[in-house]
PDB file of N, CA and C in Angstrom:
ATOM      1  N   MET A   1     -15.008   4.799 -12.011  1.00  0.00           N
ATOM      2  CA  MET A   1     -13.620   5.435 -11.846  1.00  0.00           C
ATOM      3  C   MET A   1     -13.364   5.929 -13.094  1.00  0.00           C
ATOM      4  N   CYS A   2     -12.537   7.280 -13.219  1.00  0.00           N
ATOM      5  CA  CYS A   2     -12.865   8.067 -14.217  1.00  0.00           C
ATOM      6  C   CYS A   2     -11.817   7.880 -15.169  1.00  0.00           C
ATOM      7  N   ASN A   3     -11.704   7.780 -15.936  1.00  0.00           N
ATOM      8  CA  ASN A   3     -10.612   7.437 -17.265  1.00  0.00           C
ATOM      9  C   ASN A   3      -9.571   8.749 -17.729  1.00  0.00           C
ATOM     10  N   MET A   4      -8.437   8.758 -16.468  1.00  0.00           N
ATOM     11  CA  MET A   4      -7.843  10.249 -16.698  1.00  0.00           C
ATOM     12  C   MET A   4      -6.358   9.635 -17.147  1.00  0.00           C
ATOM     13  N   ASN A   5      -5.908  10.434 -18.585  1.00  0.00           N
ATOM     14  CA  ASN A   5      -4.594  10.428 -19.055  1.00  0.00           C
ATOM     15  C   ASN A   5      -3.608  11.039 -18.944  1.00  0.00           C
ATOM     16  N   TYR A   6      -2.665  10.643 -18.577  1.00  0.00           N
ATOM     17  CA  TYR A   6      -1.300  11.527 -18.384  1.00  0.00           C
ATOM     18  C   TYR A   6      -0.076  11.343 -19.088  1.00  0.00           C
ATOM     19  N   THR A   7       0.118  12.352 -20.064  1.00  0.00           N
ATOM     20  CA  THR A   7       1.771  12.258 -20.644  1.00  0.00           C
ATOM     21  C   THR A   7       3.003  12.597 -19.560  1.00  0.00           C
ATOM     22  N   TYR A   8       3.921  11.467 -19.378  1.00  0.00           N
ATOM     23  CA  TYR A   8       4.940  12.135 -18.510  1.00  0.00           C
ATOM     24  C   TYR A   8       6.578  11.904 -19.143  1.00  0.00           C
ATOM     25  N   SER A   9       7.144  12.751 -18.323  1.00  0.00           N
ATOM     26  CA  SER A   9       8.909  12.408 -18.412  1.00  0.00           C
ATOM     27  C   SER A   9       9.129  11.708 -17.468  1.00  0.00           C
ATOM     28  N   ILE A  10      10.068  10.892 -17.778  1.00  0.00           N
ATOM     29  CA  ILE A  10      11.260  10.161 -17.198  1.00  0.00           C
ATOM     30  C   ILE A  10      12.366  10.738 -17.051  1.00  0.00           C
ATOM     31  N   THR A  11      13.101  10.826 -15.259  1.00  0.00           N
ATOM     32  CA  THR A  11      14.312  11.380 -15.266  1.00  0.00           C
ATOM     33  C   THR A  11      15.576  10.783 -15.545  1.00  0.00           C
ATOM     34  N   SER A  12      16.228  11.452 -15.519  1.00  0.00           N
ATOM     35  CA  SER A  12      17.746  10.397 -15.648  1.00  0.00           C
ATOM     36  C   SER A  12      17.650   9.564 -14.647  1.00  0.00           C
ATOM     37  N   LYS A  13      17.134   9.271 -13.833  1.00  0.00           N
ATOM     38  CA  LYS A  13      17.065   8.440 -12.467  1.00  0.00           C
ATOM     39  C   LYS A  13      15.868   7.167 -12.530  1.00  0.00           C
ATOM     40  N   GLY A  14      14.910   7.926 -13.785  1.00  0.00           N
ATOM     41  CA  GLY A  14      13.943   6.922 -13.849  1.00  0.00           C
ATOM     42  C   GLY A  14      12.798   6.969 -13.498  1.00  0.00           C
ATOM     43  N   GLN A  15      12.410   8.201 -12.927  1.00  0.00           N
ATOM     44  CA  GLN A  15      11.397   8.389 -11.761  1.00  0.00           C
ATOM     45  C   GLN A  15      10.590   9.163 -12.521  1.00  0.00           C
ATOM     46  N   ILE A  16       9.281   9.255 -12.539  1.00  0.00           N
ATOM     47  CA  ILE A  16       8.166  10.109 -12.928  1.00  0.00           C
ATOM     48  C   ILE A  16       7.370  10.617 -11.601  1.00  0.00           C
ATOM     49  N   THR A  17       7.068  11.800 -12.153  1.00  0.00           N
ATOM     50  CA  THR A  17       5.919  12.573 -11.187  1.00  0.00           C
ATOM     51  C   THR A  17       4.417  12.388 -11.315  1.00  0.00           C
ATOM     52  N   ILE A  18       3.674  11.879 -10.352  1.00  0.00           N
ATOM     53  CA  ILE A  18       2.339  11.261 -10.478  1.00  0.00           C
ATOM     54  C   ILE A  18       1.844  12.427 -10.429  1.00  0.00           C
ATOM     55  N   PRO A  19       0.760  13.034 -11.020  1.00  0.00           N
ATOM     56  CA  PRO A  19      -0.323  13.955 -10.718  1.00  0.00           C
ATOM     57  C   PRO A  19      -0.811  14.391 -10.123  1.00  0.00           C
ATOM     58  N   LYS A  20      -1.037  15.460  -9.171  1.00  0.00           N
ATOM     59  CA  LYS A  20      -1.631  15.792  -7.809  1.00  0.00           C
ATOM     60  C   LYS A  20      -3.522  15.290  -8.103  1.00  0.00           C
ATOM     61  N   ALA A  21      -3.770  15.413  -9.262  1.00  0.00           N
ATOM     62  CA  ALA A  21      -5.325  14.677  -9.454  1.00  0.00           C
ATOM     63  C   ALA A  21      -5.240  12.793  -9.270  1.00  0.00           C
ATOM     64  N   PHE A  22      -4.560  12.324  -9.739  1.00  0.00           N
ATOM     65  CA  PHE A  22      -4.257  10.649  -9.606  1.00  0.00           C
ATOM     66  C   PHE A  22      -3.954  10.395  -7.912  1.00  0.00           C
ATOM     67  N   ARG A  23      -3.102  11.489  -7.125  1.00  0.00           N
ATOM     68  CA  ARG A  23      -2.736  11.163  -6.435  1.00  0.00           C
ATOM     69  C   ARG A  23      -3.758  11.192  -5.170  1.00  0.00           C
ATOM     70  N   LYS A  24      -4.645  12.145  -5.543  1.00  0.00           N
ATOM     71  CA  LYS A  24      -5.908  12.583  -4.946  1.00  0.00           C
ATOM     72  C   LYS A  24      -7.070  11.293  -4.648  1.00  0.00           C
ATOM     73  N   GLN A  25      -7.072  10.505  -6.007  1.00  0.00           N
ATOM     74  CA  GLN A  25      -7.843   9.985  -6.282  1.00  0.00           C
ATOM     75  C   GLN A  25      -7.270   8.766  -5.641  1.00  0.00           C
ATOM     76  N   LEU A  26      -6.192   7.959  -5.929  1.00  0.00           N
ATOM     77  CA  LEU A  26      -5.775   6.919  -5.204  1.00  0.00           C
ATOM     78  C   LEU A  26      -5.623   7.487  -3.863  1.00  0.00           C
ATOM     79  N   GLY A  27      -5.786   8.598  -2.981  1.00  0.00           N
ATOM     80  CA  GLY A  27      -5.153   8.834  -1.569  1.00  0.00           C
ATOM     81  C   GLY A  27      -3.736   8.548  -1.428  1.00  0.00           C
ATOM     82  N   LEU A  28      -3.462   8.628  -2.376  1.00  0.00           N
ATOM     83  CA  LEU A  28      -1.568   9.242  -2.257  1.00  0.00           C
ATOM     84  C   LEU A  28      -1.217   9.737  -1.569  1.00  0.00           C
ATOM     85  N   ASP A  29      -1.717  11.058  -0.815  1.00  0.00           N
ATOM     86  CA  ASP A  29      -1.540  12.208  -0.081  1.00  0.00           C
ATOM     87  C   ASP A  29      -1.041  11.853   1.029  1.00  0.00           C
ATOM     88  N   LYS A  30      -1.540  10.664   1.625  1.00  0.00           N
ATOM     89  CA  LYS A  30      -0.659  10.724   3.068  1.00  0.00           C
ATOM     90  C   LYS A  30       0.498   9.719   3.156  1.00  0.00           C
ATOM     91  N   LEU A  31       1.215   9.948   3.957  1.00  0.00           N
ATOM     92  CA  LEU A  31       2.258   8.996   3.988  1.00  0.00           C
ATOM     93  C   LEU A  31       2.644   7.535   4.126  1.00  0.00           C
ATOM     94  N   GLY A  32       3.638   6.946   3.649  1.00  0.00           N
ATOM     95  CA  GLY A  32       3.204   5.549   3.285  1.00  0.00           C
ATOM     96  C   GLY A  32       3.954   5.380   2.169  1.00  0.00           C
ATOM     97  N   LYS A  33       3.486   3.878   1.626  1.00  0.00           N
ATOM     98  CA  LYS A  33       4.514   3.667   0.643  1.00  0.00           C
ATOM     99  C   LYS A  33       3.326   2.997  -0.150  1.00  0.00           C
ATOM    100  N   ALA A  34       3.087   3.158  -1.888  1.00  0.00           N
ATOM    101  CA  ALA A  34       2.601   2.623  -2.591  1.00  0.00           C
ATOM    102  C   ALA A  34       2.716   0.842  -3.120  1.00  0.00           C
ATOM    103  N   THR A  35       2.368   0.637  -3.362  1.00  0.00           N
ATOM    104  CA  THR A  35       2.734  -0.855  -3.805  1.00  0.00           C
ATOM    105  C   THR A  35       2.514  -0.792  -5.566  1.00  0.00           C
ATOM    106  N   LEU A  36       3.327  -0.820  -6.584  1.00  0.00           N
ATOM    107  CA  LEU A  36       3.348  -0.810  -8.055  1.00  0.00           C
ATOM    108  C   LEU A  36       3.321  -2.235  -8.836  1.00  0.00           C
ATOM    109  N   GLN A  37       2.368  -2.597  -9.430  1.00  0.00           N
ATOM    110  CA  GLN A  37       2.656  -4.136 -10.335  1.00  0.00           C
ATOM    111  C   GLN A  37       2.454  -3.949 -11.449  1.00  0.00           C
ATOM    112  N   ILE A  38       2.813  -4.800 -12.426  1.00  0.00           N
ATOM    113  CA  ILE A  38       2.776  -4.490 -14.178  1.00  0.00           C
ATOM    114  C   ILE A  38       2.033  -5.829 -13.916  1.00  0.00           C
ATOM    115  N   ASN A  39       0.599  -6.250 -14.691  1.00  0.00           N
ATOM    116  CA  ASN A  39      -0.097  -6.644 -14.971  1.00  0.00           C
ATOM    117  C   ASN A  39       0.607  -7.470 -16.497  1.00  0.00           C
ATOM    118  N   ASP A  40      -0.556  -8.678 -16.699  1.00  0.00           N
ATOM    119  CA  ASP A  40      -0.384  -9.192 -18.114  1.00  0.00           C
ATOM    120  C   ASP A  40      -0.148  -8.449 -19.659  1.00  0.00           C
ATOM    121  N   ASN A  41      -0.968  -7.177 -19.046  1.00  0.00           N
ATOM    122  CA  ASN A  41      -0.761  -6.386 -20.381  1.00  0.00           C
ATOM    123  C   ASN A  41      -0.106  -5.129 -20.156  1.00  0.00           C
ATOM    124  N   ASN A  42       1.321  -5.295 -19.235  1.00  0.00           N
ATOM    125  CA  ASN A  42       2.202  -4.530 -18.932  1.00  0.00           C
ATOM    126  C   ASN A  42       2.388  -3.049 -18.607  1.00  0.00           C
ATOM    127  N   GLU A  43       0.793  -2.521 -17.886  1.00  0.00           N
ATOM    128  CA  GLU A  43       0.041  -1.941 -17.448  1.00  0.00           C
ATOM    129  C   GLU A  43       0.351  -1.942 -15.966  1.00  0.00           C
ATOM    130  N   ILE A  44       1.198  -0.318 -15.358  1.00  0.00           N
ATOM    131  CA  ILE A  44       1.744   0.164 -14.099  1.00  0.00           C
ATOM    132  C   ILE A  44       0.109  -0.124 -13.311  1.00  0.00           C
ATOM    133  N   ILE A  45       0.069  -0.641 -12.312  1.00  0.00           N
ATOM    134  CA  ILE A  45      -0.711  -0.718 -11.370  1.00  0.00           C
ATOM    135  C   ILE A  45      -0.676  -0.092 -10.112  1.00  0.00           C
ATOM    136  N   ILE A  46      -0.953   0.858  -9.292  1.00  0.00           N
ATOM    137  CA  ILE A  46      -0.745   1.474  -8.295  1.00  0.00           C
ATOM    138  C   ILE A  46      -2.010   1.360  -7.507  1.00  0.00           C
ATOM    139  N   THR A  47      -1.395   0.910  -6.238  1.00  0.00           N
ATOM    140  CA  THR A  47      -2.184   0.756  -4.879  1.00  0.00           C
ATOM    141  C   THR A  47      -2.245   1.517  -3.977  1.00  0.00           C
ATOM    142  N   ALA A  48      -2.791   1.934  -3.001  1.00  0.00           N
ATOM    143  CA  ALA A  48      -2.482   3.294  -1.924  1.00  0.00           C
ATOM    144  C   ALA A  48      -2.037   2.444  -1.035  1.00  0.00           C
ATOM    145  N   PRO A  49      -1.252   2.965  -0.082  1.00  0.00           N
ATOM    146  CA  PRO A  49      -1.161   2.544   1.146  1.00  0.00           C
ATOM    147  C   PRO A  49      -2.405   2.365   2.288  1.00  0.00           C
ATOM    148  N   LYS A  50      -2.218   1.085   3.129  1.00  0.00           N
ATOM    149  CA  LYS A  50      -3.563   0.884   3.851  1.00  0.00           C
ATOM    150  C   LYS A  50      -3.562   2.165   5.347  1.00  0.00           C
ATOM    151  N   SER A  51      -4.568   2.564   5.681  1.00  0.00           N
ATOM    152  CA  SER A  51      -4.079   3.214   6.601  1.00  0.00           C
ATOM    153  C   SER A  51      -4.293   1.958   7.747  1.00  0.00           C
ATOM    154  N   LEU A  52      -4.223   3.063   9.241  1.00  0.00           N
ATOM    155  CA  LEU A  52      -3.653   2.267  10.391  1.00  0.00           C
ATOM    156  C   LEU A  52      -4.902   1.565  10.259  1.00  0.00           C
ATOM    157  N   SER A  53      -6.242   2.235  10.471  1.00  0.00           N
ATOM    158  CA  SER A  53      -7.415   1.052  10.513  1.00  0.00           C
ATOM    159  C   SER A  53      -7.302  -0.081   9.817  1.00  0.00           C
ATOM    160  N   GLU A  54      -7.219   0.253   8.494  1.00  0.00           N
ATOM    161  CA  GLU A  54      -7.188  -1.336   7.723  1.00  0.00           C
ATOM    162  C   GLU A  54      -5.985  -2.758   8.184  1.00  0.00           C
ATOM    163  N   VAL A  55      -5.050  -1.800   8.585  1.00  0.00           N
ATOM    164  CA  VAL A  55      -3.518  -2.881   9.177  1.00  0.00           C
ATOM    165  C   VAL A  55      -4.658  -3.392  10.391  1.00  0.00           C
ATOM    166  N   ARG A  56      -5.051  -2.646  11.018  1.00  0.00           N
ATOM    167  CA  ARG A  56      -5.539  -3.037  12.201  1.00  0.00           C
ATOM    168  C   ARG A  56      -6.722  -4.272  12.506  1.00  0.00           C
ATOM    169  N   ALA A  57      -7.241  -4.183  11.082  1.00  0.00           N
ATOM    170  CA  ALA A  57      -8.637  -4.598  11.019  1.00  0.00           C
ATOM    171  C   ALA A  57      -7.706  -6.106  10.067  1.00  0.00           C
ATOM    172  N   LEU A  58      -6.970  -6.214   9.518  1.00  0.00           N
ATOM    173  CA  LEU A  58      -6.116  -7.227   9.018  1.00  0.00           C
ATOM    174  C   LEU A  58      -5.718  -7.959  10.209  1.00  0.00           C
ATOM    175  N   LEU A  59      -5.076  -7.372  10.891  1.00  0.00           N
ATOM    176  CA  LEU A  59      -4.308  -8.279  11.972  1.00  0.00           C
ATOM    177  C   LEU A  59      -5.428  -8.966  12.830  1.00  0.00           C
ATOM    178  N   ASN A  60      -6.725  -8.000  13.131  1.00  0.00           N
ATOM    179  CA  ASN A  60      -7.750  -8.539  14.258  1.00  0.00           C
ATOM    180  C   ASN A  60      -8.311 -10.003  13.489  1.00  0.00           C
ATOM    181  N   ASN A  61      -8.309  -9.947  12.115  1.00  0.00           N
ATOM    182  CA  ASN A  61      -9.555 -11.042  11.116  1.00  0.00           C
ATOM    183  C   ASN A  61      -8.206 -11.497  10.110  1.00  0.00           C
ATOM    184  N   PRO A  62      -7.219 -12.404  10.329  1.00  0.00           N
ATOM    185  CA  PRO A  62      -6.346 -12.551   9.389  1.00  0.00           C
ATOM    186  C   PRO A  62      -6.832 -13.060   8.262  1.00  0.00           C
ATOM    187  N   SER A  63      -6.833 -13.258   6.726  1.00  0.00           N
ATOM    188  CA  SER A  63      -7.682 -14.068   5.773  1.00  0.00           C
ATOM    189  C   SER A  63      -6.496 -15.244   5.406  1.00  0.00           C
ATOM    190  N   PHE A  64      -5.618 -15.782   5.820  1.00  0.00           N
ATOM    191  CA  PHE A  64      -4.517 -16.892   5.208  1.00  0.00           C
ATOM    192  C   PHE A  64      -5.253 -17.905   6.289  1.00  0.00           C
ATOM    193  N   LYS A  65      -4.750 -19.111   5.604  1.00  0.00           N
ATOM    194  CA  LYS A  65      -4.949 -20.240   6.328  1.00  0.00           C
ATOM    195  C   LYS A  65      -4.137 -20.915   7.091  1.00  0.00           C
ATOM    196  N   ASP A  66      -2.208 -20.590   6.468  1.00  0.00           N
ATOM    197  CA  ASP A  66      -1.435 -20.978   7.854  1.00  0.00           C
ATOM    198  C   ASP A  66      -1.573 -20.200   8.634  1.00  0.00           C
ATOM    199  N   SER A  67      -0.450 -21.595   9.608  1.00  0.00           N
ATOM    200  CA  SER A  67      -0.688 -21.032  10.971  1.00  0.00           C
ATOM    201  C   SER A  67       0.626 -19.707  11.117  1.00  0.00           C
ATOM    202  N   THR A  68       0.982 -19.109  11.898  1.00  0.00           N
ATOM    203  CA  THR A  68       1.822 -18.343  12.154  1.00  0.00           C
ATOM    204  C   THR A  68       2.736 -18.808  12.735  1.00  0.00           C
ATOM    205  N   SER A  69       4.295 -18.435  12.572  1.00  0.00           N
ATOM    206  CA  SER A  69       5.320 -18.774  12.921  1.00  0.00           C
ATOM    207  C   SER A  69       5.746 -18.220  14.139  1.00  0.00           C
ATOM    208  N   GLU A  70       6.193 -18.555  15.322  1.00  0.00           N
ATOM    209  CA  GLU A  70       6.894 -17.879  16.898  1.00  0.00           C
ATOM    210  C   GLU A  70       6.892 -16.872  16.496  1.00  0.00           C
ATOM    211  N   LYS A  71       8.165 -16.564  15.211  1.00  0.00           N
ATOM    212  CA  LYS A  71       8.355 -15.187  14.851  1.00  0.00           C
ATOM    213  C   LYS A  71       7.504 -14.221  14.276  1.00  0.00           C
ATOM    214  N   GLU A  72       6.901 -14.769  13.531  1.00  0.00           N
ATOM    215  CA  GLU A  72       5.320 -13.930  13.200  1.00  0.00           C
ATOM    216  C   GLU A  72       4.704 -13.712  14.431  1.00  0.00           C
ATOM    217  N   GLN A  73       4.430 -14.515  15.393  1.00  0.00           N
ATOM    218  CA  GLN A  73       3.595 -13.781  16.554  1.00  0.00           C
ATOM    219  C   GLN A  73       4.327 -13.003  17.395  1.00  0.00           C
ATOM    220  N   ALA A  74       5.524 -13.174  17.290  1.00  0.00           N
ATOM    221  CA  ALA A  74       6.376 -11.461  18.149  1.00  0.00           C
ATOM    222  C   ALA A  74       6.330 -10.721  17.839  1.00  0.00           C
ATOM    223  N   ILE A  75       6.853 -10.471  16.425  1.00  0.00           N
ATOM    224  CA  ILE A  75       6.558  -9.285  15.414  1.00  0.00           C
ATOM    225  C   ILE A  75       4.975  -8.525  15.858  1.00  0.00           C
ATOM    226  N   GLY A  76       3.890  -9.877  15.670  1.00  0.00           N
ATOM    227  CA  GLY A  76       2.487  -9.009  15.842  1.00  0.00           C
ATOM    228  C   GLY A  76       2.205  -8.522  17.127  1.00  0.00           C
ATOM    229  N   ALA A  77       3.111  -9.197  17.821  1.00  0.00           N
ATOM    230  CA  ALA A  77       2.418  -8.396  19.810  1.00  0.00           C
ATOM    231  C   ALA A  77       3.721  -7.683  19.895  1.00  0.00           C
ATOM    232  N   GLN A  78       4.691  -7.468  18.943  1.00  0.00           N
ATOM    233  CA  GLN A  78       5.357  -5.492  19.370  1.00  0.00           C
ATOM    234  C   GLN A  78       4.548  -5.134  18.642  1.00  0.00           C
ATOM    235  N   LEU A  79       4.005  -5.316  17.439  1.00  0.00           N
ATOM    236  CA  LEU A  79       3.293  -3.870  16.716  1.00  0.00           C
ATOM    237  C   LEU A  79       1.802  -3.817  17.326  1.00  0.00           C
ATOM    238  N   ALA A  80       1.093  -4.664  17.873  1.00  0.00           N
ATOM    239  CA  ALA A  80       0.728  -4.553  19.078  1.00  0.00           C
ATOM    240  C   ALA A  80       0.655  -3.635  19.963  1.00  0.00           C
ATOM    241  N   LYS A  81       1.418  -4.201  20.417  1.00  0.00           N
ATOM    242  CA  LYS A  81       2.350  -3.161  21.774  1.00  0.00           C
ATOM    243  C   LYS A  81       2.740  -1.973  21.367  1.00  0.00           C
ATOM    244  N   LYS A  82       3.058  -1.540  20.412  1.00  0.00           N
ATOM    245  CA  LYS A  82       3.687  -0.364  19.706  1.00  0.00           C
ATOM    246  C   LYS A  82       2.537   0.841  19.290  1.00  0.00           C
ATOM    247  N   TYR A  83       1.706   0.399  18.599  1.00  0.00           N
ATOM    248  CA  TYR A  83       0.531   0.296  18.407  1.00  0.00           C
ATOM    249  C   TYR A  83      -0.545   0.811  19.451  1.00  0.00           C
ATOM    250  N   ASP A  84      -0.556   0.266  20.348  1.00  0.00           N
ATOM    251  CA  ASP A  84      -1.893  -0.209  21.428  1.00  0.00           C
ATOM    252  C   ASP A  84      -2.608  -0.868  20.614  1.00  0.00           C
ATOM    253  N   VAL A  85      -2.737  -1.946  20.146  1.00  0.00           N
ATOM    254  CA  VAL A  85      -4.253  -2.438  19.757  1.00  0.00           C
ATOM    255  C   VAL A  85      -4.218  -3.853  20.687  1.00  0.00           C
ATOM    256  N   THR A  86      -5.556  -3.434  21.449  1.00  0.00           N
ATOM    257  CA  THR A  86      -5.775  -4.555  22.026  1.00  0.00           C
ATOM    258  C   THR A  86      -7.728  -5.003  22.336  1.00  0.00           C
TER     259      THR A  86
END
């Protein structure tokens, strides 16, 4: 990972523009939503959206130990049907 710095302006609506080089490195050029977090050092961490293949892999191999509720199972079935995951 290369260490890039960028000085930015904040708009009156509290918005900033993520530079193209940053977006390219993070894979933020595709549609989706990025996740923002603030760590213990008050630094913002941006995580790129997962690709459809990554989401499918998560659905096929869940890493959580709790059993899914009926509602979650119904949502999963609808998503699988919508995206033809079999």
